[in-house]
Amino acid sequence: MRKKTIREIDVQGKRVLVRVDFNVPIDAGRILDELRLTTALPTIEYLRAQGARIILCSHLGRPKGTVVESLRLAPIAARLSELLSVPVAAANDCVGAEAEAAVDKLTSGDVLLLENVRFHVEEEANDAAFSQRLAKLADVYVNDAFGTAHRAHASTEGVAHHLPAVAGLLMEREVDFLTRAAVEPEKPLGAIIGGAKISDKMLCVRNLLSIVDVLIIGGGMANTFLKAAGHPVGDSLVEDGQLGTASAVMQDAGERLLLPSDVVIADAFDADAQAQTVAVGEVPSDWRILDAGPESIAAIRDS
């Protein structure tokens, strides 16, 4: 799957809007996992070396269209400054006069991080006018947010209709890897898929089952499969509207689909909650599944 990348365009002096995925865990302003920052560095450093004026945009958490102080991106800008060894400015908004003024201050090689795009409800709605406001900030659009590229939001899909659009180096790497795995996979081939929901991943699940020898289902989406298989899941996150689809997938996949056999459960979604490990058929009605258990992890290693 060939995608045009930043290596194939002239960015000298241009305003380049880069959609990154900086949705990282933060506790009291401290970033707990920097992987999504470090994997974005090659694209940012390449654009800096080419003399671009770099405008980064990302979401963080689920503020649902309101400003949530704990979900501001200033701590990420500060840490990114350290990783790049250059100042990274943090804008107070991602569109409008303040964002435009911050962009106007950029010179070649400068980096600006816009404020959380999900502070605007129009982002997840893929609002056309909001997409145009984002596009107004730049001359070129770069999508390097592989982890959220499947979502048709304003900053991932809408803005690409208004600017020349190319892939970043992280996006290129991930797409190349998936293309090789799908077209000429080395066998045996296994895949792991997780996340909270299956509704937006079911097509991916079916496609994976056409090429893999084993597909491991984890995260919150495993709960829906477990319930469809007849296991009690207590107060766990479940998409009841997808139970029929999950049942059909399990029937088609047979033994190639690997679900947890034991799970870590808690009586609340809280750091101070009581927790224990039980078999999948022993989840109490008022407890919730939070993770796969040690038996399941061992089975994954052996699969």
C-alpha atoms as a PDB file:
ATOM      1  CA  MET A   1       0.000   0.000   0.000  1.00  0.00           C
ATOM      2  CA  ARG A   2       2.094   2.875  -1.308  1.00  0.00           C
ATOM      3  CA  LYS A   3       1.572   6.252   0.388  1.00  0.00           C
ATOM      4  CA  LYS A   4       3.221   9.544  -0.517  1.00  0.00           C
ATOM      5  CA  THR A   5       5.412  10.734   2.345  1.00  0.00           C
ATOM      6  CA  ILE A   6       7.157  13.858   3.611  1.00  0.00           C
ATOM      7  CA  ARG A   7      10.295  12.799   1.728  1.00  0.00           C
ATOM      8  CA  GLU A   8       8.526  13.487  -1.580  1.00  0.00           C
ATOM      9  CA  ILE A   9       7.441  17.098  -1.026  1.00  0.00           C
ATOM     10  CA  ASP A  10       9.156  20.439  -0.571  1.00  0.00           C
ATOM     11  CA  VAL A  11       8.507  21.795   2.927  1.00  0.00           C
ATOM     12  CA  GLN A  12      11.175  24.523   3.068  1.00  0.00           C
ATOM     13  CA  GLY A  13       9.650  27.504   4.866  1.00  0.00           C
ATOM     14  CA  LYS A  14       6.156  25.995   4.690  1.00  0.00           C
ATOM     15  CA  ARG A  15       3.686  25.698   7.534  1.00  0.00           C
ATOM     16  CA  VAL A  16       3.280  21.943   8.062  1.00  0.00           C
ATOM     17  CA  LEU A  17       0.376  20.695  10.170  1.00  0.00           C
ATOM     18  CA  VAL A  18       1.339  17.303  11.603  1.00  0.00           C
ATOM     19  CA  ARG A  19      -1.345  15.146  13.214  1.00  0.00           C
ATOM     20  CA  VAL A  20       0.496  13.172  15.889  1.00  0.00           C
ATOM     21  CA  ASP A  21      -0.848  10.792  18.504  1.00  0.00           C
ATOM     22  CA  PHE A  22       0.232  12.185  21.858  1.00  0.00           C
ATOM     23  CA  ASN A  23      -2.619  10.526  23.746  1.00  0.00           C
ATOM     24  CA  VAL A  24      -0.263   9.454  26.541  1.00  0.00           C
ATOM     25  CA  PRO A  25      -0.996   8.589  30.175  1.00  0.00           C
ATOM     26  CA  ILE A  26      -0.415  11.604  32.421  1.00  0.00           C
ATOM     27  CA  ASP A  27      -0.630  11.789  36.197  1.00  0.00           C
ATOM     28  CA  ALA A  28      -0.432  15.218  37.863  1.00  0.00           C
ATOM     29  CA  GLY A  29       1.399  16.607  34.852  1.00  0.00           C
ATOM     30  CA  ARG A  30       3.893  13.728  34.704  1.00  0.00           C
ATOM     31  CA  ILE A  31       3.984  11.623  31.529  1.00  0.00           C
ATOM     32  CA  LEU A  32       3.964   7.945  32.498  1.00  0.00           C
ATOM     33  CA  ASP A  33       4.791   6.455  29.078  1.00  0.00           C
ATOM     34  CA  GLU A  34       6.722   8.404  26.427  1.00  0.00           C
ATOM     35  CA  LEU A  35       6.610   5.881  23.579  1.00  0.00           C
ATOM     36  CA  ARG A  36       4.163   7.929  21.498  1.00  0.00           C
ATOM     37  CA  LEU A  37       6.415  10.943  21.857  1.00  0.00           C
ATOM     38  CA  THR A  38       9.641   9.184  20.932  1.00  0.00           C
ATOM     39  CA  THR A  39       8.157   7.439  17.887  1.00  0.00           C
ATOM     40  CA  ALA A  40       7.053  10.839  16.536  1.00  0.00           C
ATOM     41  CA  LEU A  41      10.551  12.322  16.780  1.00  0.00           C
ATOM     42  CA  PRO A  42      11.895  11.109  13.384  1.00  0.00           C
ATOM     43  CA  THR A  43       9.136  12.940  11.500  1.00  0.00           C
ATOM     44  CA  ILE A  44       9.554  16.130  13.531  1.00  0.00           C
ATOM     45  CA  GLU A  45      13.340  16.069  13.223  1.00  0.00           C
ATOM     46  CA  TYR A  46      13.163  15.453   9.466  1.00  0.00           C
ATOM     47  CA  LEU A  47      10.805  18.389   8.978  1.00  0.00           C
ATOM     48  CA  ARG A  48      13.039  20.618  11.113  1.00  0.00           C
ATOM     49  CA  ALA A  49      16.070  19.658   9.036  1.00  0.00           C
ATOM     50  CA  GLN A  50      14.139  20.586   5.883  1.00  0.00           C
ATOM     51  CA  GLY A  51      13.316  24.042   7.240  1.00  0.00           C
ATOM     52  CA  ALA A  52       9.588  23.530   7.793  1.00  0.00           C
ATOM     53  CA  ARG A  53       7.528  25.482  10.298  1.00  0.00           C
ATOM     54  CA  ILE A  54       6.042  22.613  12.275  1.00  0.00           C
ATOM     55  CA  ILE A  55       2.565  22.720  13.810  1.00  0.00           C
ATOM     56  CA  LEU A  56       1.724  19.631  15.838  1.00  0.00           C
ATOM     57  CA  CYS A  57      -1.836  18.717  16.766  1.00  0.00           C
ATOM     58  CA  SER A  58      -3.139  15.870  18.895  1.00  0.00           C
ATOM     59  CA  HIS A  59      -5.934  14.814  21.186  1.00  0.00           C
ATOM     60  CA  LEU A  60      -5.526  13.726  24.789  1.00  0.00           C
ATOM     61  CA  GLY A  61      -8.152  11.729  26.638  1.00  0.00           C
ATOM     62  CA  ARG A  62     -11.884  12.204  26.178  1.00  0.00           C
ATOM     63  CA  PRO A  63     -12.820  15.754  27.198  1.00  0.00           C
ATOM     64  CA  LYS A  64     -15.942  15.530  24.989  1.00  0.00           C
ATOM     65  CA  GLY A  65     -15.772  19.032  23.606  1.00  0.00           C
ATOM     66  CA  THR A  66     -15.032  20.902  26.820  1.00  0.00           C
ATOM     67  CA  VAL A  67     -11.821  22.303  28.280  1.00  0.00           C
ATOM     68  CA  VAL A  68     -10.456  19.938  30.944  1.00  0.00           C
ATOM     69  CA  GLU A  69      -7.427  21.404  32.703  1.00  0.00           C
ATOM     70  CA  SER A  70      -5.844  18.005  33.401  1.00  0.00           C
ATOM     71  CA  LEU A  71      -5.961  17.221  29.670  1.00  0.00           C
ATOM     72  CA  ARG A  72      -4.045  20.259  28.442  1.00  0.00           C
ATOM     73  CA  LEU A  73      -0.997  19.509  26.280  1.00  0.00           C
ATOM     74  CA  ALA A  74       1.457  21.919  27.943  1.00  0.00           C
ATOM     75  CA  PRO A  75       3.247  19.108  29.865  1.00  0.00           C
ATOM     76  CA  ILE A  76       3.722  17.251  26.580  1.00  0.00           C
ATOM     77  CA  ALA A  77       5.161  20.361  24.915  1.00  0.00           C
ATOM     78  CA  ALA A  78       7.602  20.748  27.811  1.00  0.00           C
ATOM     79  CA  ARG A  79       8.798  17.143  27.577  1.00  0.00           C
ATOM     80  CA  LEU A  80       8.983  17.307  23.792  1.00  0.00           C
ATOM     81  CA  SER A  81      11.261  20.339  24.156  1.00  0.00           C
ATOM     82  CA  GLU A  82      13.641  18.190  26.198  1.00  0.00           C
ATOM     83  CA  LEU A  83      13.530  15.283  23.755  1.00  0.00           C
ATOM     84  CA  LEU A  84      14.179  17.519  20.735  1.00  0.00           C
ATOM     85  CA  SER A  85      16.614  19.832  22.563  1.00  0.00           C
ATOM     86  CA  VAL A  86      14.765  22.826  21.084  1.00  0.00           C
ATOM     87  CA  PRO A  87      11.928  24.961  22.444  1.00  0.00           C
ATOM     88  CA  VAL A  88       8.419  23.679  21.676  1.00  0.00           C
ATOM     89  CA  ALA A  89       5.775  26.360  22.086  1.00  0.00           C
ATOM     90  CA  ALA A  90       2.346  25.425  23.435  1.00  0.00           C
ATOM     91  CA  ALA A  91      -0.688  27.222  22.017  1.00  0.00           C
ATOM     92  CA  ASN A  92      -3.748  27.948  24.145  1.00  0.00           C
ATOM     93  CA  ASP A  93      -6.102  26.696  21.442  1.00  0.00           C
ATOM     94  CA  CYS A  94      -5.959  24.674  18.245  1.00  0.00           C
ATOM     95  CA  VAL A  95      -7.955  27.060  16.038  1.00  0.00           C
ATOM     96  CA  GLY A  96      -8.842  30.720  15.995  1.00  0.00           C
ATOM     97  CA  ALA A  97      -6.954  33.930  16.620  1.00  0.00           C
ATOM     98  CA  GLU A  98      -4.641  32.609  19.353  1.00  0.00           C
ATOM     99  CA  ALA A  99      -3.579  29.602  17.306  1.00  0.00           C
ATOM    100  CA  GLU A 100      -3.084  31.738  14.205  1.00  0.00           C
ATOM    101  CA  ALA A 101      -0.948  34.226  16.147  1.00  0.00           C
ATOM    102  CA  ALA A 102       1.203  31.398  17.520  1.00  0.00           C
ATOM    103  CA  VAL A 103       1.709  30.013  14.002  1.00  0.00           C
ATOM    104  CA  ASP A 104       2.636  33.454  12.656  1.00  0.00           C
ATOM    105  CA  LYS A 105       5.549  33.593  15.111  1.00  0.00           C
ATOM    106  CA  LEU A 106       7.139  30.427  13.725  1.00  0.00           C
ATOM    107  CA  THR A 107      10.301  30.542  11.667  1.00  0.00           C
ATOM    108  CA  SER A 108      11.972  27.694   9.766  1.00  0.00           C
ATOM    109  CA  GLY A 109      12.660  24.752  12.068  1.00  0.00           C
ATOM    110  CA  ASP A 110      10.390  25.995  14.863  1.00  0.00           C
ATOM    111  CA  VAL A 111       7.902  23.650  16.548  1.00  0.00           C
ATOM    112  CA  LEU A 112       4.479  24.512  17.944  1.00  0.00           C
ATOM    113  CA  LEU A 113       2.067  22.163  19.726  1.00  0.00           C
ATOM    114  CA  LEU A 114      -1.576  23.174  19.414  1.00  0.00           C
ATOM    115  CA  GLU A 115      -3.970  22.660  22.308  1.00  0.00           C
ATOM    116  CA  ASN A 116      -6.022  19.457  22.634  1.00  0.00           C
ATOM    117  CA  VAL A 117      -8.222  19.228  19.516  1.00  0.00           C
ATOM    118  CA  ARG A 118     -10.909  17.382  21.475  1.00  0.00           C
ATOM    119  CA  PHE A 119     -11.588  20.498  23.528  1.00  0.00           C
ATOM    120  CA  HIS A 120     -13.799  21.281  20.510  1.00  0.00           C
ATOM    121  CA  VAL A 121     -16.807  19.023  19.995  1.00  0.00           C
ATOM    122  CA  GLU A 122     -16.453  19.589  16.236  1.00  0.00           C
ATOM    123  CA  GLU A 123     -13.267  17.476  16.182  1.00  0.00           C
ATOM    124  CA  GLU A 124     -14.906  14.098  16.719  1.00  0.00           C
ATOM    125  CA  ALA A 125     -17.901  15.153  14.620  1.00  0.00           C
ATOM    126  CA  ASN A 126     -15.510  15.747  11.682  1.00  0.00           C
ATOM    127  CA  ASP A 127     -17.152  19.113  11.222  1.00  0.00           C
ATOM    128  CA  ALA A 128     -16.307  20.617   7.831  1.00  0.00           C
ATOM    129  CA  ALA A 129     -16.012  24.186   9.102  1.00  0.00           C
ATOM    130  CA  PHE A 130     -13.718  23.078  11.934  1.00  0.00           C
ATOM    131  CA  SER A 131     -11.568  21.153   9.445  1.00  0.00           C
ATOM    132  CA  GLN A 132     -11.225  24.328   7.380  1.00  0.00           C
ATOM    133  CA  ARG A 133     -10.183  26.311  10.467  1.00  0.00           C
ATOM    134  CA  LEU A 134      -7.423  23.773  11.147  1.00  0.00           C
ATOM    135  CA  ALA A 135      -6.363  23.809   7.507  1.00  0.00           C
ATOM    136  CA  LYS A 136      -6.148  27.613   7.584  1.00  0.00           C
ATOM    137  CA  LEU A 137      -3.103  27.278   9.854  1.00  0.00           C
ATOM    138  CA  ALA A 138      -0.971  25.402   7.335  1.00  0.00           C
ATOM    139  CA  ASP A 139       0.220  24.876   3.772  1.00  0.00           C
ATOM    140  CA  VAL A 140       0.701  21.095   4.023  1.00  0.00           C
ATOM    141  CA  TYR A 141      -0.910  18.336   6.108  1.00  0.00           C
ATOM    142  CA  VAL A 142       1.005  15.327   7.435  1.00  0.00           C
ATOM    143  CA  ASN A 143      -0.724  12.396   9.118  1.00  0.00           C
ATOM    144  CA  ASP A 144       1.673  10.630  11.479  1.00  0.00           C
ATOM    145  CA  ALA A 145      -0.958   9.512  13.992  1.00  0.00           C
ATOM    146  CA  PHE A 146      -1.154   5.825  13.161  1.00  0.00           C
ATOM    147  CA  GLY A 147      -2.901   4.979  16.428  1.00  0.00           C
ATOM    148  CA  THR A 148      -5.890   7.161  15.615  1.00  0.00           C
ATOM    149  CA  ALA A 149      -5.840   7.197  11.815  1.00  0.00           C
ATOM    150  CA  HIS A 150      -8.810   4.825  11.670  1.00  0.00           C
ATOM    151  CA  ARG A 151     -11.081   7.536  13.092  1.00  0.00           C
ATOM    152  CA  ALA A 152     -12.686   9.967  10.640  1.00  0.00           C
ATOM    153  CA  HIS A 153     -12.240  13.090  12.760  1.00  0.00           C
ATOM    154  CA  ALA A 154     -11.560  16.643  11.639  1.00  0.00           C
ATOM    155  CA  SER A 155      -7.822  16.463  12.361  1.00  0.00           C
ATOM    156  CA  THR A 156      -7.343  12.984  10.880  1.00  0.00           C
ATOM    157  CA  GLU A 157      -9.646  12.999   7.846  1.00  0.00           C
ATOM    158  CA  GLY A 158     -11.433  16.294   7.367  1.00  0.00           C
ATOM    159  CA  VAL A 159      -8.380  18.536   7.085  1.00  0.00           C
ATOM    160  CA  ALA A 160      -6.908  16.326   4.342  1.00  0.00           C
ATOM    161  CA  HIS A 161      -9.650  17.576   1.999  1.00  0.00           C
ATOM    162  CA  HIS A 162      -8.314  21.126   2.251  1.00  0.00           C
ATOM    163  CA  LEU A 163      -4.515  20.722   2.097  1.00  0.00           C
ATOM    164  CA  PRO A 164      -1.942  18.648   0.198  1.00  0.00           C
ATOM    165  CA  ALA A 165      -1.687  15.562   2.414  1.00  0.00           C
ATOM    166  CA  VAL A 166       1.133  13.054   2.924  1.00  0.00           C
ATOM    167  CA  ALA A 167       2.189  10.454   5.456  1.00  0.00           C
ATOM    168  CA  GLY A 168       4.796  10.946   8.158  1.00  0.00           C
ATOM    169  CA  LEU A 169       7.658   8.536   8.780  1.00  0.00           C
ATOM    170  CA  LEU A 170       5.878   6.661  11.579  1.00  0.00           C
ATOM    171  CA  MET A 171       2.791   6.220   9.424  1.00  0.00           C
ATOM    172  CA  GLU A 172       4.973   5.027   6.555  1.00  0.00           C
ATOM    173  CA  ARG A 173       6.712   2.471   8.768  1.00  0.00           C
ATOM    174  CA  GLU A 174       3.480   1.073  10.196  1.00  0.00           C
ATOM    175  CA  VAL A 175       1.718   0.885   6.833  1.00  0.00           C
ATOM    176  CA  ASP A 176       4.723  -0.851   5.255  1.00  0.00           C
ATOM    177  CA  PHE A 177       4.813  -3.383   8.088  1.00  0.00           C
ATOM    178  CA  LEU A 178       1.092  -4.141   7.842  1.00  0.00           C
ATOM    179  CA  THR A 179       1.283  -4.378   4.064  1.00  0.00           C
ATOM    180  CA  ARG A 180       4.065  -6.953   4.264  1.00  0.00           C
ATOM    181  CA  ALA A 181       2.152  -8.905   6.915  1.00  0.00           C
ATOM    182  CA  ALA A 182      -1.038  -8.915   4.843  1.00  0.00           C
ATOM    183  CA  VAL A 183       0.435  -9.593   1.395  1.00  0.00           C
ATOM    184  CA  GLU A 184       3.386 -11.907   2.093  1.00  0.00           C
ATOM    185  CA  PRO A 185       3.200 -12.883   5.764  1.00  0.00           C
ATOM    186  CA  GLU A 186       5.789 -15.078   7.366  1.00  0.00           C
ATOM    187  CA  LYS A 187       4.181 -18.175   8.841  1.00  0.00           C
ATOM    188  CA  PRO A 188       3.137 -19.006  11.447  1.00  0.00           C
ATOM    189  CA  LEU A 189       1.508 -15.599  11.957  1.00  0.00           C
ATOM    190  CA  GLY A 190      -0.276 -14.381  15.066  1.00  0.00           C
ATOM    191  CA  ALA A 191      -1.948 -11.063  15.836  1.00  0.00           C
ATOM    192  CA  ILE A 192      -3.135  -9.338  19.006  1.00  0.00           C
ATOM    193  CA  ILE A 193      -6.000  -6.855  18.977  1.00  0.00           C
ATOM    194  CA  GLY A 194      -7.459  -4.966  21.915  1.00  0.00           C
ATOM    195  CA  GLY A 195      -9.089  -1.719  22.896  1.00  0.00           C
ATOM    196  CA  ALA A 196     -12.359  -0.861  24.560  1.00  0.00           C
ATOM    197  CA  LYS A 197     -14.790  -1.561  21.722  1.00  0.00           C
ATOM    198  CA  ILE A 198     -15.230  -4.092  18.930  1.00  0.00           C
ATOM    199  CA  SER A 199     -17.765  -2.077  16.925  1.00  0.00           C
ATOM    200  CA  ASP A 200     -15.048  -0.030  15.200  1.00  0.00           C
ATOM    201  CA  LYS A 201     -12.645  -2.970  14.820  1.00  0.00           C
ATOM    202  CA  MET A 202     -14.840  -5.784  13.507  1.00  0.00           C
ATOM    203  CA  LEU A 203     -13.787  -5.334   9.883  1.00  0.00           C
ATOM    204  CA  CYS A 204     -10.167  -5.460  11.042  1.00  0.00           C
ATOM    205  CA  VAL A 205     -10.867  -8.636  13.044  1.00  0.00           C
ATOM    206  CA  ARG A 206     -12.418 -10.362  10.026  1.00  0.00           C
ATOM    207  CA  ASN A 207      -9.570  -9.296   7.753  1.00  0.00           C
ATOM    208  CA  LEU A 208      -6.989 -10.558  10.236  1.00  0.00           C
ATOM    209  CA  LEU A 209      -8.729 -13.910  10.503  1.00  0.00           C
ATOM    210  CA  SER A 210      -8.256 -14.378   6.764  1.00  0.00           C
ATOM    211  CA  ILE A 211      -4.447 -14.350   7.106  1.00  0.00           C
ATOM    212  CA  VAL A 212      -3.430 -15.294  10.676  1.00  0.00           C
ATOM    213  CA  ASP A 213      -2.976 -18.657  12.331  1.00  0.00           C
ATOM    214  CA  VAL A 214      -4.059 -17.299  15.714  1.00  0.00           C
ATOM    215  CA  LEU A 215      -5.840 -14.078  16.711  1.00  0.00           C
ATOM    216  CA  ILE A 216      -5.605 -13.015  20.346  1.00  0.00           C
ATOM    217  CA  ILE A 217      -8.421 -10.803  21.640  1.00  0.00           C
ATOM    218  CA  GLY A 218      -7.584  -8.655  24.651  1.00  0.00           C
ATOM    219  CA  GLY A 219      -8.537  -5.408  26.334  1.00  0.00           C
ATOM    220  CA  GLY A 220     -12.115  -4.391  26.995  1.00  0.00           C
ATOM    221  CA  MET A 221     -13.316  -5.832  23.693  1.00  0.00           C
ATOM    222  CA  ALA A 222     -12.605  -9.357  24.996  1.00  0.00           C
ATOM    223  CA  ASN A 223     -15.507  -8.906  27.432  1.00  0.00           C
ATOM    224  CA  THR A 224     -18.013  -8.789  24.589  1.00  0.00           C
ATOM    225  CA  PHE A 225     -16.642 -12.030  23.168  1.00  0.00           C
ATOM    226  CA  LEU A 226     -16.654 -13.667  26.598  1.00  0.00           C
ATOM    227  CA  LYS A 227     -20.283 -12.699  27.170  1.00  0.00           C
ATOM    228  CA  ALA A 228     -21.203 -13.926  23.686  1.00  0.00           C
ATOM    229  CA  ALA A 229     -19.561 -17.241  24.609  1.00  0.00           C
ATOM    230  CA  GLY A 230     -21.868 -17.519  27.624  1.00  0.00           C
ATOM    231  CA  HIS A 231     -19.478 -16.434  30.380  1.00  0.00           C
ATOM    232  CA  PRO A 232     -20.626 -14.090  33.152  1.00  0.00           C
ATOM    233  CA  VAL A 233     -18.850 -10.758  32.897  1.00  0.00           C
ATOM    234  CA  GLY A 234     -20.362  -8.945  35.877  1.00  0.00           C
ATOM    235  CA  ASP A 235     -20.219  -5.162  35.646  1.00  0.00           C
ATOM    236  CA  SER A 236     -17.616  -5.207  32.850  1.00  0.00           C
ATOM    237  CA  LEU A 237     -17.597  -2.982  29.793  1.00  0.00           C
ATOM    238  CA  VAL A 238     -19.593  -4.828  27.101  1.00  0.00           C
ATOM    239  CA  GLU A 239     -21.093  -3.849  23.754  1.00  0.00           C
ATOM    240  CA  ASP A 240     -24.358  -5.752  23.940  1.00  0.00           C
ATOM    241  CA  GLY A 241     -25.267  -4.678  20.419  1.00  0.00           C
ATOM    242  CA  GLN A 242     -22.252  -6.612  19.110  1.00  0.00           C
ATOM    243  CA  LEU A 243     -22.925  -9.956  20.830  1.00  0.00           C
ATOM    244  CA  GLY A 244     -24.374 -11.535  17.694  1.00  0.00           C
ATOM    245  CA  THR A 245     -21.446 -10.375  15.594  1.00  0.00           C
ATOM    246  CA  ALA A 246     -18.983 -11.672  18.178  1.00  0.00           C
ATOM    247  CA  SER A 247     -20.718 -15.065  18.190  1.00  0.00           C
ATOM    248  CA  ALA A 248     -20.503 -15.276  14.394  1.00  0.00           C
ATOM    249  CA  VAL A 249     -16.807 -14.380  14.442  1.00  0.00           C
ATOM    250  CA  MET A 250     -16.064 -17.027  17.066  1.00  0.00           C
ATOM    251  CA  GLN A 251     -17.935 -19.653  15.049  1.00  0.00           C
ATOM    252  CA  ASP A 252     -16.012 -18.788  11.880  1.00  0.00           C
ATOM    253  CA  ALA A 253     -12.634 -18.597  13.638  1.00  0.00           C
ATOM    254  CA  GLY A 254     -12.870 -21.741  15.714  1.00  0.00           C
ATOM    255  CA  GLU A 255      -9.657 -22.520  17.596  1.00  0.00           C
ATOM    256  CA  ARG A 256      -7.775 -19.731  15.816  1.00  0.00           C
ATOM    257  CA  LEU A 257      -9.441 -17.169  18.112  1.00  0.00           C
ATOM    258  CA  LEU A 258      -7.818 -17.019  21.545  1.00  0.00           C
ATOM    259  CA  LEU A 259      -9.752 -15.437  24.425  1.00  0.00           C
ATOM    260  CA  PRO A 260      -8.720 -15.098  28.082  1.00  0.00           C
ATOM    261  CA  SER A 261      -9.267 -18.172  30.212  1.00  0.00           C
ATOM    262  CA  ASP A 262      -8.709 -16.287  33.472  1.00  0.00           C
ATOM    263  CA  VAL A 263      -9.072 -12.608  34.249  1.00  0.00           C
ATOM    264  CA  VAL A 264      -8.066  -9.995  36.791  1.00  0.00           C
ATOM    265  CA  ILE A 265     -11.207  -8.446  38.258  1.00  0.00           C
ATOM    266  CA  ALA A 266     -11.932  -5.602  40.665  1.00  0.00           C
ATOM    267  CA  ASP A 267     -14.950  -4.365  42.603  1.00  0.00           C
ATOM    268  CA  ALA A 268     -14.488  -0.845  41.197  1.00  0.00           C
ATOM    269  CA  PHE A 269     -12.504   1.001  38.550  1.00  0.00           C
ATOM    270  CA  ASP A 270     -10.269   2.653  41.124  1.00  0.00           C
ATOM    271  CA  ALA A 271      -6.663   2.447  42.285  1.00  0.00           C
ATOM    272  CA  ASP A 272      -7.847   1.430  45.780  1.00  0.00           C
ATOM    273  CA  ALA A 273     -10.283  -1.240  44.580  1.00  0.00           C
ATOM    274  CA  GLN A 274     -10.153  -4.850  45.732  1.00  0.00           C
ATOM    275  CA  ALA A 275      -8.773  -7.128  43.034  1.00  0.00           C
ATOM    276  CA  GLN A 276      -8.404 -10.851  42.425  1.00  0.00           C
ATOM    277  CA  THR A 277      -7.816 -13.336  39.621  1.00  0.00           C
ATOM    278  CA  VAL A 278     -10.595 -15.766  38.678  1.00  0.00           C
ATOM    279  CA  ALA A 279     -11.528 -18.131  35.862  1.00  0.00           C
ATOM    280  CA  VAL A 280     -13.674 -16.531  33.154  1.00  0.00           C
ATOM    281  CA  GLY A 281     -16.756 -18.358  34.426  1.00  0.00           C
ATOM    282  CA  GLU A 282     -16.442 -17.019  37.961  1.00  0.00           C
ATOM    283  CA  VAL A 283     -16.843 -13.238  37.658  1.00  0.00           C
ATOM    284  CA  PRO A 284     -19.273 -11.961  40.365  1.00  0.00           C
ATOM    285  CA  SER A 285     -22.184  -9.843  39.172  1.00  0.00           C
ATOM    286  CA  ASP A 286     -20.924  -6.620  40.774  1.00  0.00           C
ATOM    287  CA  TRP A 287     -17.250  -6.991  39.790  1.00  0.00           C
ATOM    288  CA  ARG A 288     -15.613  -6.023  36.503  1.00  0.00           C
ATOM    289  CA  ILE A 289     -12.924  -7.510  34.292  1.00  0.00           C
ATOM    290  CA  LEU A 290      -9.830  -5.322  33.996  1.00  0.00           C
ATOM    291  CA  ASP A 291      -7.160  -7.539  32.438  1.00  0.00           C
ATOM    292  CA  ALA A 292      -6.154 -11.016  31.337  1.00  0.00           C
ATOM    293  CA  GLY A 293      -4.904 -13.341  34.081  1.00  0.00           C
ATOM    294  CA  PRO A 294      -1.565 -15.187  34.336  1.00  0.00           C
ATOM    295  CA  GLU A 295      -2.956 -18.387  32.819  1.00  0.00           C
ATOM    296  CA  SER A 296      -4.136 -16.440  29.782  1.00  0.00           C
ATOM    297  CA  ILE A 297      -0.779 -14.693  29.436  1.00  0.00           C
ATOM    298  CA  ALA A 298       1.008 -18.046  29.531  1.00  0.00           C
ATOM    299  CA  ALA A 299      -1.314 -19.375  26.825  1.00  0.00           C
ATOM    300  CA  ILE A 300      -0.540 -16.338  24.662  1.00  0.00           C
ATOM    301  CA  ARG A 301       3.181 -16.960  25.028  1.00  0.00           C
ATOM    302  CA  ASP A 302       2.701 -20.576  23.978  1.00  0.00           C
ATOM    303  CA  SER A 303       0.369 -19.861  21.042  1.00  0.00           C
END
